[in-house]
C-alpha atoms as a PDB file:
ATOM      1  CA  MET A   1      -0.390  -0.033  -0.175  1.00  0.00           C
ATOM      2  CA  LYS A   2       1.138   3.503  -1.088  1.00  0.00           C
ATOM      3  CA  GLN A   3       1.771   6.545   2.015  1.00  0.00           C
ATOM      4  CA  ASN A   4      -1.132   8.230   0.366  1.00  0.00           C
ATOM      5  CA  GLU A   5      -3.693   5.296  -0.574  1.00  0.00           C
ATOM      6  CA  ALA A   6      -7.033   5.269   0.955  1.00  0.00           C
ATOM      7  CA  VAL A   7      -7.472   3.242   3.029  1.00  0.00           C
ATOM      8  CA  ARG A   8     -10.972   2.493   4.507  1.00  0.00           C
ATOM      9  CA  LYS A   9     -11.907   3.417   8.350  1.00  0.00           C
ATOM     10  CA  ILE A  10     -16.123   3.379   8.236  1.00  0.00           C
ATOM     11  CA  HIS A  11     -16.825  -0.403   8.185  1.00  0.00           C
ATOM     12  CA  LEU A  12     -20.838  -1.558   7.372  1.00  0.00           C
ATOM     13  CA  ARG A  13     -20.745  -3.060  10.838  1.00  0.00           C
ATOM     14  CA  GLU A  14     -19.180   0.476  12.702  1.00  0.00           C
ATOM     15  CA  PHE A  15     -21.763   2.556  10.466  1.00  0.00           C
ATOM     16  CA  LYS A  16     -24.785   0.681  11.202  1.00  0.00           C
ATOM     17  CA  SER A  17     -24.207   1.032  15.159  1.00  0.00           C
ATOM     18  CA  ILE A  18     -23.613   4.504  15.282  1.00  0.00           C
ATOM     19  CA  SER A  19     -26.974   4.693  12.816  1.00  0.00           C
ATOM     20  CA  ARG A  20     -28.987   3.106  14.660  1.00  0.00           C
ATOM     21  CA  ALA A  21     -27.817   4.646  18.109  1.00  0.00           C
ATOM     22  CA  ILE A  22     -28.847   8.053  16.294  1.00  0.00           C
ATOM     23  CA  ILE A  23     -32.098   6.988  15.675  1.00  0.00           C
ATOM     24  CA  MET A  24     -32.672   5.251  19.245  1.00  0.00           C
ATOM     25  CA  TYR A  25     -32.009   7.944  21.248  1.00  0.00           C
ATOM     26  CA  GLU A  26     -34.459  10.208  22.943  1.00  0.00           C
ATOM     27  CA  ASP A  27     -31.980  12.870  24.921  1.00  0.00           C
ATOM     28  CA  LEU A  28     -30.741  14.633  22.593  1.00  0.00           C
ATOM     29  CA  ASN A  29     -27.510  15.732  24.718  1.00  0.00           C
ATOM     30  CA  ALA A  30     -26.551  11.874  25.389  1.00  0.00           C
ATOM     31  CA  LEU A  31     -26.934  11.404  21.736  1.00  0.00           C
ATOM     32  CA  LEU A  32     -24.082  14.175  20.785  1.00  0.00           C
ATOM     33  CA  LYS A  33     -21.813  13.134  23.633  1.00  0.00           C
ATOM     34  CA  HIS A  34     -22.060   9.070  21.888  1.00  0.00           C
ATOM     35  CA  SER A  35     -22.236  10.087  18.813  1.00  0.00           C
ATOM     36  CA  VAL A  36     -18.497  11.844  19.032  1.00  0.00           C
ATOM     37  CA  GLU A  37     -17.188   9.520  21.159  1.00  0.00           C
ATOM     38  CA  GLY A  38     -18.518   6.576  19.391  1.00  0.00           C
ATOM     39  CA  ILE A  39     -16.991   8.280  16.081  1.00  0.00           C
ATOM     40  CA  SER A  40     -13.464   8.679  17.649  1.00  0.00           C
ATOM     41  CA  ARG A  41     -13.452   5.258  18.870  1.00  0.00           C
ATOM     42  CA  SER A  42     -15.068   3.512  16.407  1.00  0.00           C
ATOM     43  CA  PHE A  43     -13.063   5.147  13.621  1.00  0.00           C
ATOM     44  CA  LYS A  44      -9.563   5.424  15.261  1.00  0.00           C
ATOM     45  CA  VAL A  45      -9.454   9.153  14.643  1.00  0.00           C
ATOM     46  CA  LYS A  46      -8.158  11.806  17.251  1.00  0.00           C
ATOM     47  CA  GLY A  47     -11.536  13.847  18.547  1.00  0.00           C
ATOM     48  CA  CYS A  48     -14.805  14.740  17.169  1.00  0.00           C
ATOM     49  CA  SER A  49     -16.520  17.753  18.037  1.00  0.00           C
ATOM     50  CA  ILE A  50     -20.493  18.690  17.039  1.00  0.00           C
ATOM     51  CA  MET A  51     -21.585  22.385  16.607  1.00  0.00           C
ATOM     52  CA  LEU A  52     -25.046  23.400  15.725  1.00  0.00           C
ATOM     53  CA  PHE A  53     -25.523  27.276  14.117  1.00  0.00           C
ATOM     54  CA  ASP A  54     -27.737  29.557  15.706  1.00  0.00           C
ATOM     55  CA  GLU A  55     -29.454  31.539  13.231  1.00  0.00           C
ATOM     56  CA  ARG A  56     -29.858  34.543  15.973  1.00  0.00           C
ATOM     57  CA  GLU A  57     -26.359  35.116  17.021  1.00  0.00           C
ATOM     58  CA  LYS A  58     -24.985  33.907  13.259  1.00  0.00           C
ATOM     59  CA  GLU A  59     -21.837  31.900  15.360  1.00  0.00           C
ATOM     60  CA  PHE A  60     -21.799  27.865  16.237  1.00  0.00           C
ATOM     61  CA  PHE A  61     -22.067  27.044  19.783  1.00  0.00           C
ATOM     62  CA  ARG A  62     -20.196  23.762  20.616  1.00  0.00           C
ATOM     63  CA  VAL A  63     -22.779  20.897  22.204  1.00  0.00           C
ATOM     64  CA  SER A  64     -20.340  18.403  22.491  1.00  0.00           C
ATOM     65  CA  SER A  65     -16.730  17.098  21.637  1.00  0.00           C
ATOM     66  CA  PHE A  66     -14.192  13.537  22.591  1.00  0.00           C
ATOM     67  CA  GLY A  67     -10.670  13.556  22.181  1.00  0.00           C
ATOM     68  CA  VAL A  68      -9.693  17.048  21.715  1.00  0.00           C
ATOM     69  CA  SER A  69      -8.718  19.346  24.558  1.00  0.00           C
ATOM     70  CA  GLU A  70     -10.905  22.449  25.662  1.00  0.00           C
ATOM     71  CA  GLU A  71      -7.773  24.965  25.097  1.00  0.00           C
ATOM     72  CA  TYR A  72      -7.338  24.121  21.024  1.00  0.00           C
ATOM     73  CA  LEU A  73     -11.836  24.031  21.235  1.00  0.00           C
ATOM     74  CA  SER A  74     -12.092  27.334  22.617  1.00  0.00           C
ATOM     75  CA  LYS A  75      -8.707  28.572  20.739  1.00  0.00           C
ATOM     76  CA  GLY A  76     -11.146  31.510  18.629  1.00  0.00           C
ATOM     77  CA  PRO A  77     -14.341  32.183  17.442  1.00  0.00           C
ATOM     78  CA  LEU A  78     -16.833  29.967  15.563  1.00  0.00           C
ATOM     79  CA  GLN A  79     -18.236  32.516  13.079  1.00  0.00           C
ATOM     80  CA  VAL A  80     -19.124  31.896   9.425  1.00  0.00           C
ATOM     81  CA  ASP A  81     -16.672  33.787   7.317  1.00  0.00           C
ATOM     82  CA  ASP A  82     -14.810  32.048   5.191  1.00  0.00           C
ATOM     83  CA  LYS A  83     -16.024  30.918   1.641  1.00  0.00           C
ATOM     84  CA  TYR A  84     -13.843  27.111   1.935  1.00  0.00           C
ATOM     85  CA  ASP A  85     -16.399  26.570   5.532  1.00  0.00           C
ATOM     86  CA  THR A  86     -18.474  23.559   5.208  1.00  0.00           C
ATOM     87  CA  PHE A  87     -21.160  25.644   6.082  1.00  0.00           C
ATOM     88  CA  VAL A  88     -20.666  28.484   3.492  1.00  0.00           C
ATOM     89  CA  LYS A  89     -20.219  25.617   0.809  1.00  0.00           C
ATOM     90  CA  GLY A  90     -22.771  23.190   2.496  1.00  0.00           C
ATOM     91  CA  GLU A  91     -20.734  20.227   1.061  1.00  0.00           C
ATOM     92  CA  PRO A  92     -17.694  18.090   3.352  1.00  0.00           C
ATOM     93  CA  VAL A  93     -14.139  20.308   3.324  1.00  0.00           C
ATOM     94  CA  PHE A  94     -11.208  17.830   3.694  1.00  0.00           C
ATOM     95  CA  ILE A  95      -7.891  19.120   5.031  1.00  0.00           C
ATOM     96  CA  GLU A  96      -5.450  17.017   5.041  1.00  0.00           C
ATOM     97  CA  ASP A  97      -2.299  18.487   6.059  1.00  0.00           C
ATOM     98  CA  MET A  98      -3.425  21.045   9.374  1.00  0.00           C
ATOM     99  CA  GLN A  99       0.217  23.027   8.478  1.00  0.00           C
ATOM    100  CA  ASN A 100      -0.264  23.504   5.110  1.00  0.00           C
ATOM    101  CA  SER A 101      -3.468  24.353   4.181  1.00  0.00           C
ATOM    102  CA  PRO A 102      -4.373  28.194   3.492  1.00  0.00           C
ATOM    103  CA  HIS A 103      -7.739  27.552   4.932  1.00  0.00           C
ATOM    104  CA  VAL A 104      -6.402  26.971   8.166  1.00  0.00           C
ATOM    105  CA  LYS A 105      -6.376  30.223  10.372  1.00  0.00           C
ATOM    106  CA  TYR A 106      -4.391  28.057  14.068  1.00  0.00           C
ATOM    107  CA  PRO A 107      -1.689  26.055  12.108  1.00  0.00           C
ATOM    108  CA  GLU A 108       0.331  26.294  15.730  1.00  0.00           C
ATOM    109  CA  ALA A 109      -3.136  25.645  17.462  1.00  0.00           C
ATOM    110  CA  ALA A 110      -3.379  22.203  15.544  1.00  0.00           C
ATOM    111  CA  ALA A 111       0.542  20.930  15.504  1.00  0.00           C
ATOM    112  CA  LYS A 112       0.467  21.770  19.404  1.00  0.00           C
ATOM    113  CA  GLU A 113      -2.839  19.668  19.734  1.00  0.00           C
ATOM    114  CA  GLY A 114      -1.239  16.429  17.721  1.00  0.00           C
ATOM    115  CA  ILE A 115      -4.210  17.038  14.410  1.00  0.00           C
ATOM    116  CA  VAL A 116      -2.533  16.370  11.577  1.00  0.00           C
ATOM    117  CA  SER A 117      -6.030  16.347   8.824  1.00  0.00           C
ATOM    118  CA  MET A 118      -9.449  17.548   9.955  1.00  0.00           C
ATOM    119  CA  LEU A 119     -12.915  17.015   8.026  1.00  0.00           C
ATOM    120  CA  SER A 120     -16.116  19.011   8.506  1.00  0.00           C
ATOM    121  CA  VAL A 121     -19.471  17.744   7.360  1.00  0.00           C
ATOM    122  CA  PRO A 122     -22.137  19.673   7.213  1.00  0.00           C
ATOM    123  CA  ILE A 123     -25.510  18.493   9.253  1.00  0.00           C
ATOM    124  CA  LYS A 124     -28.425  19.004   7.458  1.00  0.00           C
ATOM    125  CA  CYS A 125     -31.982  18.837   7.747  1.00  0.00           C
ATOM    126  CA  ARG A 126     -33.607  19.182   4.309  1.00  0.00           C
ATOM    127  CA  ARG A 127     -31.608  20.624   2.931  1.00  0.00           C
ATOM    128  CA  ARG A 128     -30.607  23.395   5.746  1.00  0.00           C
ATOM    129  CA  ILE A 129     -27.561  23.456   7.475  1.00  0.00           C
ATOM    130  CA  ILE A 130     -27.974  23.591  11.288  1.00  0.00           C
ATOM    131  CA  GLY A 131     -24.435  22.579  12.382  1.00  0.00           C
ATOM    132  CA  ILE A 132     -21.189  20.794  11.425  1.00  0.00           C
ATOM    133  CA  ILE A 133     -19.057  17.676  12.498  1.00  0.00           C
ATOM    134  CA  ARG A 134     -15.533  18.132  12.784  1.00  0.00           C
ATOM    135  CA  VAL A 135     -12.985  14.940  12.447  1.00  0.00           C
ATOM    136  CA  TYR A 136      -9.346  15.542  14.161  1.00  0.00           C
ATOM    137  CA  ASN A 137      -7.202  13.261  13.184  1.00  0.00           C
ATOM    138  CA  ASN A 138      -3.801  12.679  14.681  1.00  0.00           C
ATOM    139  CA  GLU A 139      -2.037  10.859  11.337  1.00  0.00           C
ATOM    140  CA  PRO A 140      -1.623  11.867   7.903  1.00  0.00           C
ATOM    141  CA  TRP A 141      -5.562  10.575   6.290  1.00  0.00           C
ATOM    142  CA  ALA A 142      -5.687  10.138   2.876  1.00  0.00           C
ATOM    143  CA  LEU A 143      -9.937   9.804   3.025  1.00  0.00           C
ATOM    144  CA  HIS A 144     -11.348   7.483   1.458  1.00  0.00           C
ATOM    145  CA  GLU A 145     -14.802   7.936  -0.866  1.00  0.00           C
ATOM    146  CA  ASP A 146     -16.759   5.927   0.875  1.00  0.00           C
ATOM    147  CA  ASP A 147     -15.829   6.826   4.158  1.00  0.00           C
ATOM    148  CA  LEU A 148     -16.818  10.432   3.432  1.00  0.00           C
ATOM    149  CA  ASP A 149     -20.049   9.417   2.006  1.00  0.00           C
ATOM    150  CA  SER A 150     -20.833   7.266   5.730  1.00  0.00           C
ATOM    151  CA  PHE A 151     -19.878  10.426   7.090  1.00  0.00           C
ATOM    152  CA  CYS A 152     -22.286  12.855   4.736  1.00  0.00           C
ATOM    153  CA  LEU A 153     -24.924  10.317   6.125  1.00  0.00           C
ATOM    154  CA  LEU A 154     -24.255  10.320   9.961  1.00  0.00           C
ATOM    155  CA  ALA A 155     -24.775  13.965   9.541  1.00  0.00           C
ATOM    156  CA  GLU A 156     -27.592  13.578   7.528  1.00  0.00           C
ATOM    157  CA  HIS A 157     -29.357  11.524  10.139  1.00  0.00           C
ATOM    158  CA  MET A 158     -28.329  13.441  12.993  1.00  0.00           C
ATOM    159  CA  GLY A 159     -29.852  16.455  11.572  1.00  0.00           C
ATOM    160  CA  CYS A 160     -33.402  14.990  11.413  1.00  0.00           C
ATOM    161  CA  VAL A 161     -33.150  13.474  14.913  1.00  0.00           C
ATOM    162  CA  ILE A 162     -31.975  17.532  16.108  1.00  0.00           C
ATOM    163  CA  GLU A 163     -34.413  18.834  14.051  1.00  0.00           C
ATOM    164  CA  ASN A 164     -36.975  16.300  15.418  1.00  0.00           C
ATOM    165  CA  ASN A 165     -35.983  16.985  18.835  1.00  0.00           C
ATOM    166  CA  GLY A 166     -36.636  20.863  18.362  1.00  0.00           C
ATOM    167  CA  LEU A 167     -40.432  20.337  17.165  1.00  0.00           C
ATOM    168  CA  ILE A 168     -41.003  17.699  19.923  1.00  0.00           C
ATOM    169  CA  ASN A 169     -39.732  20.799  22.478  1.00  0.00           C
ATOM    170  CA  PHE A 170     -41.497  23.709  20.889  1.00  0.00           C
ATOM    171  CA  LEU A 171     -44.719  21.159  20.918  1.00  0.00           C
ATOM    172  CA  GLU A 172     -43.875  20.360  24.554  1.00  0.00           C
ATOM    173  CA  GLN A 173     -44.486  24.396  25.233  1.00  0.00           C
ATOM    174  CA  VAL A 174     -47.185  24.558  22.756  1.00  0.00           C
ATOM    175  CA  LYS A 175     -49.450  21.743  25.078  1.00  0.00           C
ATOM    176  CA  ILE A 176     -48.123  23.557  28.026  1.00  0.00           C
ATOM    177  CA  ALA A 177     -49.228  27.024  27.256  1.00  0.00           C
ATOM    178  CA  LEU A 178     -52.349  25.846  25.603  1.00  0.00           C
ATOM    179  CA  GLY A 179     -52.977  23.878  29.244  1.00  0.00           C
ATOM    180  CA  SER A 180     -52.736  27.266  31.145  1.00  0.00           C
ATOM    181  CA  LEU A 181     -55.670  29.064  28.656  1.00  0.00           C
ATOM    182  CA  PRO A 182     -59.215  29.026  30.245  1.00  0.00           C
ATOM    183  CA  MET A 183     -61.637  26.126  28.858  1.00  0.00           C
ATOM    184  CA  ARG A 184     -63.493  29.416  27.003  1.00  0.00           C
ATOM    185  CA  MET A 185     -60.254  30.420  25.047  1.00  0.00           C
ATOM    186  CA  LEU A 186     -60.163  26.370  23.785  1.00  0.00           C
ATOM    187  CA  GLU A 187     -63.649  25.943  22.417  1.00  0.00           C
ATOM    188  CA  GLY A 188     -63.138  25.564  19.021  1.00  0.00           C
ATOM    189  CA  LEU A 189     -59.703  24.570  18.194  1.00  0.00           C
END
């Protein structure tokens, strides 16, 4: 095998396990926590983090991470401002060499953290991007096309679950609000 030849990291067994876990969780926080750990361990990468987009603030907030230090994760603002950004492009962005890519804002921090490569995959629901999954690797990584497809599909699964969770929370709030209205106001609804 050549040094830069792509080798699959994601095999059907691991993919099915994480896919099933994503659709079975009822607790979104537990899902996010277990997903980043599962991705890191199953696919033998350094770490993973999930960020969701706050439409009002126009920035990301980290909801879960595994395998990467808090110091690295808090190195700078998570704003949308780069035309090569996963969020702007709406498609995955793979950086094979964090030290020699013009798209990396903090190459020194990546080197200190031991991050060599990074994959950013948009979390989508109905073609809207609601977040990003970042997968960090501590060794050179020739990303296999099938692995990229698998990461994209996992991100879509996660997007549907996150969106459904938001809808369920909204409906619960509506039920509570309706429950506090006088009965006369509920007639005809």
